[in-house]
């Protein structure tokens, strides 16, 4: 997680910051085609992004933030190492489920002849799966008692991503009725995913360990 974590933030502060994160990623992807062939393109793009006040993280020095983004310290690199029991952590079941579903969708997509419209929709679905995996990985990296308000905010953003993914699957099924069997399978799996996510949200809201 970023180095500007604030213990005193509530879930709404964190949710606001997570939305900024999404906006920064979107801005990065929009800028990337212009600078992709330049040396140090990441640093150039981030400087452009941080010139936009609405995208700058709260309570951080822009120069320090850039330095941390592109030159992580040894301590920060060590913090990303997970213990052998990571599969028992919050977020792990969702991470593994989303990864399996993404793999199945990718295999399906690779075996069919797709129109440009179908390719675009299929890639959106894969991107949503990737986004869900990334948010679940954030939960996995945190210890049991660490940043409870941030965990709440992440789960709420997970619901938003999940709803967007399910909406894209509906759009795909309506646009390509011959693929309904595959989309129905993914939709049913995601409904089960959603129910279990509600249970995790209830756990965090009630502040219970089990």
Protein backbone atom coordinates (compact mmCIF):
# COMPACT_ATOMS: atom_id res chain seq x y z
CA UNK A 1 0.00 0.00 0.00
CA UNK A 2 1.09 3.62 -0.54
CA UNK A 3 3.40 5.26 1.97
CA UNK A 4 0.93 8.00 2.93
CA UNK A 5 -1.38 5.74 4.96
CA UNK A 6 -3.27 7.56 7.73
CA UNK A 7 -4.53 5.66 10.76
CA UNK A 8 -7.05 8.37 11.57
CA UNK A 9 -8.88 8.27 8.23
CA UNK A 10 -12.38 6.82 8.21
CA UNK A 11 -13.77 4.58 5.46
CA UNK A 12 -15.06 7.58 3.50
CA UNK A 13 -11.63 9.23 3.46
CA UNK A 14 -10.16 5.97 2.20
CA UNK A 15 -12.90 5.49 -0.37
CA UNK A 16 -12.26 8.99 -1.69
CA UNK A 17 -8.56 8.17 -1.99
CA UNK A 18 -9.26 4.85 -3.71
CA UNK A 19 -11.40 6.68 -6.26
CA UNK A 20 -8.45 9.01 -6.82
CA UNK A 21 -6.31 5.93 -7.37
CA UNK A 22 -8.71 4.79 -10.09
CA UNK A 23 -8.60 8.25 -11.66
CA UNK A 24 -4.79 8.23 -11.58
CA UNK A 25 -4.70 4.85 -13.31
CA UNK A 26 -7.15 6.10 -15.95
CA UNK A 27 -5.07 9.24 -16.50
CA UNK A 28 -1.90 7.14 -16.73
CA UNK A 29 -3.40 4.91 -19.42
CA UNK A 30 -4.57 7.95 -21.40
CA UNK A 31 -1.10 9.53 -21.25
CA UNK A 32 0.86 6.34 -21.94
CA UNK A 33 0.54 6.28 -25.78
CA UNK A 34 2.21 9.71 -26.01
CA UNK A 35 5.28 8.78 -23.96
CA UNK A 36 5.67 5.01 -24.26
CA UNK A 37 8.80 5.22 -26.43
CA UNK A 38 10.57 7.79 -24.27
CA UNK A 39 13.19 6.91 -21.61
CA UNK A 40 11.73 7.18 -18.13
CA UNK A 41 8.19 7.41 -19.47
CA UNK A 42 6.67 6.46 -16.09
CA UNK A 43 8.27 9.43 -14.34
CA UNK A 44 7.20 11.80 -17.13
CA UNK A 45 3.62 10.59 -17.02
CA UNK A 46 3.43 10.76 -13.22
CA UNK A 47 4.68 14.35 -13.27
CA UNK A 48 1.88 15.23 -15.67
CA UNK A 49 -0.66 13.47 -13.46
CA UNK A 50 0.56 15.15 -10.27
CA UNK A 51 0.19 18.54 -11.92
CA UNK A 52 -3.55 17.93 -11.62
CA UNK A 53 -4.50 18.82 -8.00
CA UNK A 54 -7.59 16.60 -8.04
CA UNK A 55 -5.37 13.53 -8.62
CA UNK A 56 -2.73 14.24 -5.97
CA UNK A 57 -2.99 12.01 -2.86
CA UNK A 58 -4.06 13.78 0.31
CA UNK A 59 -1.38 15.15 2.64
CA UNK A 60 1.66 14.20 0.58
CA UNK A 61 4.62 16.01 -0.87
CA UNK A 62 4.54 15.55 -4.64
CA UNK A 63 8.31 15.23 -5.02
CA UNK A 64 8.53 12.65 -2.21
CA UNK A 65 5.59 10.75 -3.68
CA UNK A 66 7.29 10.55 -7.09
CA UNK A 67 10.53 9.35 -5.52
CA UNK A 68 8.72 6.60 -3.61
CA UNK A 69 6.77 5.56 -6.72
CA UNK A 70 9.86 4.92 -8.82
CA UNK A 71 12.51 4.13 -6.20
CA UNK A 72 10.90 1.92 -3.53
CA UNK A 73 13.00 1.39 -0.44
CA UNK A 74 14.25 -2.02 0.61
CA UNK A 75 11.85 -1.98 3.57
CA UNK A 76 8.88 -1.39 1.28
CA UNK A 77 9.98 -4.22 -1.00
CA UNK A 78 10.23 -6.58 1.96
CA UNK A 79 6.74 -5.62 3.12
CA UNK A 80 5.26 -7.03 -0.09
CA UNK A 81 6.48 -10.55 0.75
CA UNK A 82 3.61 -12.73 1.94
CA UNK A 83 3.82 -15.52 4.45
CA UNK A 84 3.10 -19.11 3.51
CA UNK A 85 -0.38 -18.88 5.06
CA UNK A 86 -1.57 -16.07 2.75
CA UNK A 87 -4.41 -18.27 1.49
CA UNK A 88 -5.98 -18.06 4.95
CA UNK A 89 -6.11 -14.25 4.91
CA UNK A 90 -9.08 -12.05 4.12
CA UNK A 91 -9.31 -11.50 0.41
CA UNK A 92 -7.52 -14.73 -0.54
CA UNK A 93 -10.66 -16.73 -1.48
CA UNK A 94 -11.84 -13.86 -3.68
CA UNK A 95 -8.38 -13.45 -5.22
CA UNK A 96 -8.23 -17.12 -6.14
CA UNK A 97 -11.82 -17.22 -7.41
CA UNK A 98 -11.38 -14.12 -9.57
CA UNK A 99 -8.09 -15.51 -10.91
CA UNK A 100 -9.71 -18.80 -11.90
CA UNK A 101 -12.65 -17.05 -13.56
CA UNK A 102 -10.33 -14.69 -15.41
CA UNK A 103 -8.33 -17.67 -16.68
CA UNK A 104 -11.51 -19.42 -17.86
CA UNK A 105 -12.70 -16.28 -19.63
CA UNK A 106 -9.30 -15.81 -21.29
CA UNK A 107 -9.29 -19.43 -22.48
CA UNK A 108 -12.81 -19.03 -23.86
CA UNK A 109 -11.91 -15.78 -25.58
CA UNK A 110 -8.82 -17.38 -27.13
CA UNK A 111 -10.83 -20.22 -28.68
CA UNK A 112 -13.56 -18.22 -30.44
CA UNK A 113 -13.56 -15.98 -33.48
CA UNK A 114 -14.35 -12.49 -32.26
CA UNK A 115 -15.52 -9.33 -33.94
CA UNK A 116 -13.87 -6.05 -32.89
CA UNK A 117 -16.88 -5.29 -30.68
CA UNK A 118 -16.69 -8.70 -29.00
CA UNK A 119 -12.95 -8.31 -28.49
CA UNK A 120 -13.40 -4.93 -26.81
CA UNK A 121 -16.08 -6.25 -24.47
CA UNK A 122 -14.08 -9.38 -23.67
CA UNK A 123 -11.02 -7.31 -22.82
CA UNK A 124 -13.11 -5.10 -20.53
CA UNK A 125 -14.27 -8.21 -18.70
CA UNK A 126 -10.68 -9.40 -18.26
CA UNK A 127 -9.64 -5.95 -17.02
CA UNK A 128 -12.40 -5.96 -14.41
CA UNK A 129 -11.24 -9.38 -13.23
CA UNK A 130 -7.70 -8.02 -12.98
CA UNK A 131 -8.89 -5.01 -11.02
CA UNK A 132 -10.76 -7.25 -8.58
CA UNK A 133 -7.64 -9.40 -8.12
CA UNK A 134 -5.58 -6.30 -7.38
CA UNK A 135 -8.02 -5.08 -4.70
CA UNK A 136 -8.12 -8.54 -3.14
CA UNK A 137 -4.31 -8.57 -3.07
CA UNK A 138 -4.44 -5.33 -1.06
CA UNK A 139 -6.58 -7.10 1.55
CA UNK A 140 -4.25 -10.09 1.61
CA UNK A 141 -1.21 -7.89 2.25
CA UNK A 142 -2.71 -6.35 5.40
CA UNK A 143 -2.52 -7.97 8.80
CA UNK A 144 -5.68 -8.98 10.69
CA UNK A 145 -5.92 -5.83 12.81
CA UNK A 146 -4.32 -3.45 10.31
CA UNK A 147 -6.22 -0.47 8.82
CA UNK A 148 -9.83 -1.63 9.47
CA UNK A 149 -11.31 1.48 7.83
CA UNK A 150 -9.21 0.99 4.73
CA UNK A 151 -10.42 -2.61 4.50
CA UNK A 152 -14.00 -1.39 4.60
CA UNK A 153 -13.31 1.06 1.80
CA UNK A 154 -11.61 -1.63 -0.31
CA UNK A 155 -14.56 -3.99 0.07
CA UNK A 156 -16.94 -1.21 -0.98
CA UNK A 157 -14.80 -0.55 -4.07
CA UNK A 158 -14.80 -4.30 -4.72
CA UNK A 159 -18.60 -4.19 -4.83
CA UNK A 160 -18.42 -1.36 -7.37
CA UNK A 161 -15.97 -3.31 -9.55
CA UNK A 162 -18.05 -6.47 -9.21
CA UNK A 163 -21.22 -4.67 -10.25
CA UNK A 164 -19.41 -3.16 -13.24
CA UNK A 165 -18.13 -6.60 -14.25
CA UNK A 166 -21.58 -8.16 -14.00
CA UNK A 167 -22.99 -5.30 -16.05
CA UNK A 168 -20.38 -5.90 -18.75
CA UNK A 169 -21.23 -9.62 -18.78
CA UNK A 170 -24.91 -8.74 -19.27
CA UNK A 171 -23.98 -6.40 -22.12
CA UNK A 172 -21.86 -9.13 -23.71
CA UNK A 173 -24.67 -11.68 -23.43
CA UNK A 174 -27.19 -9.28 -24.98
CA UNK A 175 -24.82 -8.38 -27.81
CA UNK A 176 -23.72 -11.96 -28.51
CA UNK A 177 -26.59 -14.36 -27.60
CA UNK A 178 -24.64 -17.40 -28.82
CA UNK A 179 -22.26 -16.88 -25.88
CA UNK A 180 -25.00 -16.89 -23.24
CA UNK A 181 -23.99 -20.23 -21.72
CA UNK A 182 -20.52 -18.91 -20.89
CA UNK A 183 -21.72 -15.55 -19.59
CA UNK A 184 -24.40 -17.23 -17.45
CA UNK A 185 -21.76 -19.42 -15.84
CA UNK A 186 -19.61 -16.41 -14.94
CA UNK A 187 -22.63 -14.44 -13.77
CA UNK A 188 -23.73 -17.27 -11.45
CA UNK A 189 -20.23 -17.60 -10.02
CA UNK A 190 -20.09 -13.86 -9.40
CA UNK A 191 -23.45 -13.91 -7.60
CA UNK A 192 -21.93 -16.42 -5.17
CA UNK A 193 -18.83 -14.20 -4.98
CA UNK A 194 -21.10 -11.25 -4.12
CA UNK A 195 -22.85 -13.09 -1.28
CA UNK A 196 -19.52 -14.00 0.33
CA UNK A 197 -18.31 -10.43 -0.11
CA UNK A 198 -21.36 -9.26 1.84
CA UNK A 199 -20.31 -11.58 4.66
CA UNK A 200 -16.83 -10.04 4.68
CA UNK A 201 -18.32 -6.54 4.72
CA UNK A 202 -20.50 -7.53 7.69
CA UNK A 203 -17.43 -8.89 9.47
CA UNK A 204 -15.59 -5.61 9.06
CA UNK A 205 -18.59 -3.50 10.04
CA UNK A 206 -19.20 -5.54 13.19
CA UNK A 207 -15.43 -5.55 13.89
CA UNK A 208 -15.36 -9.30 14.48
CA UNK A 209 -12.39 -11.53 13.83
CA UNK A 210 -14.39 -14.57 12.76
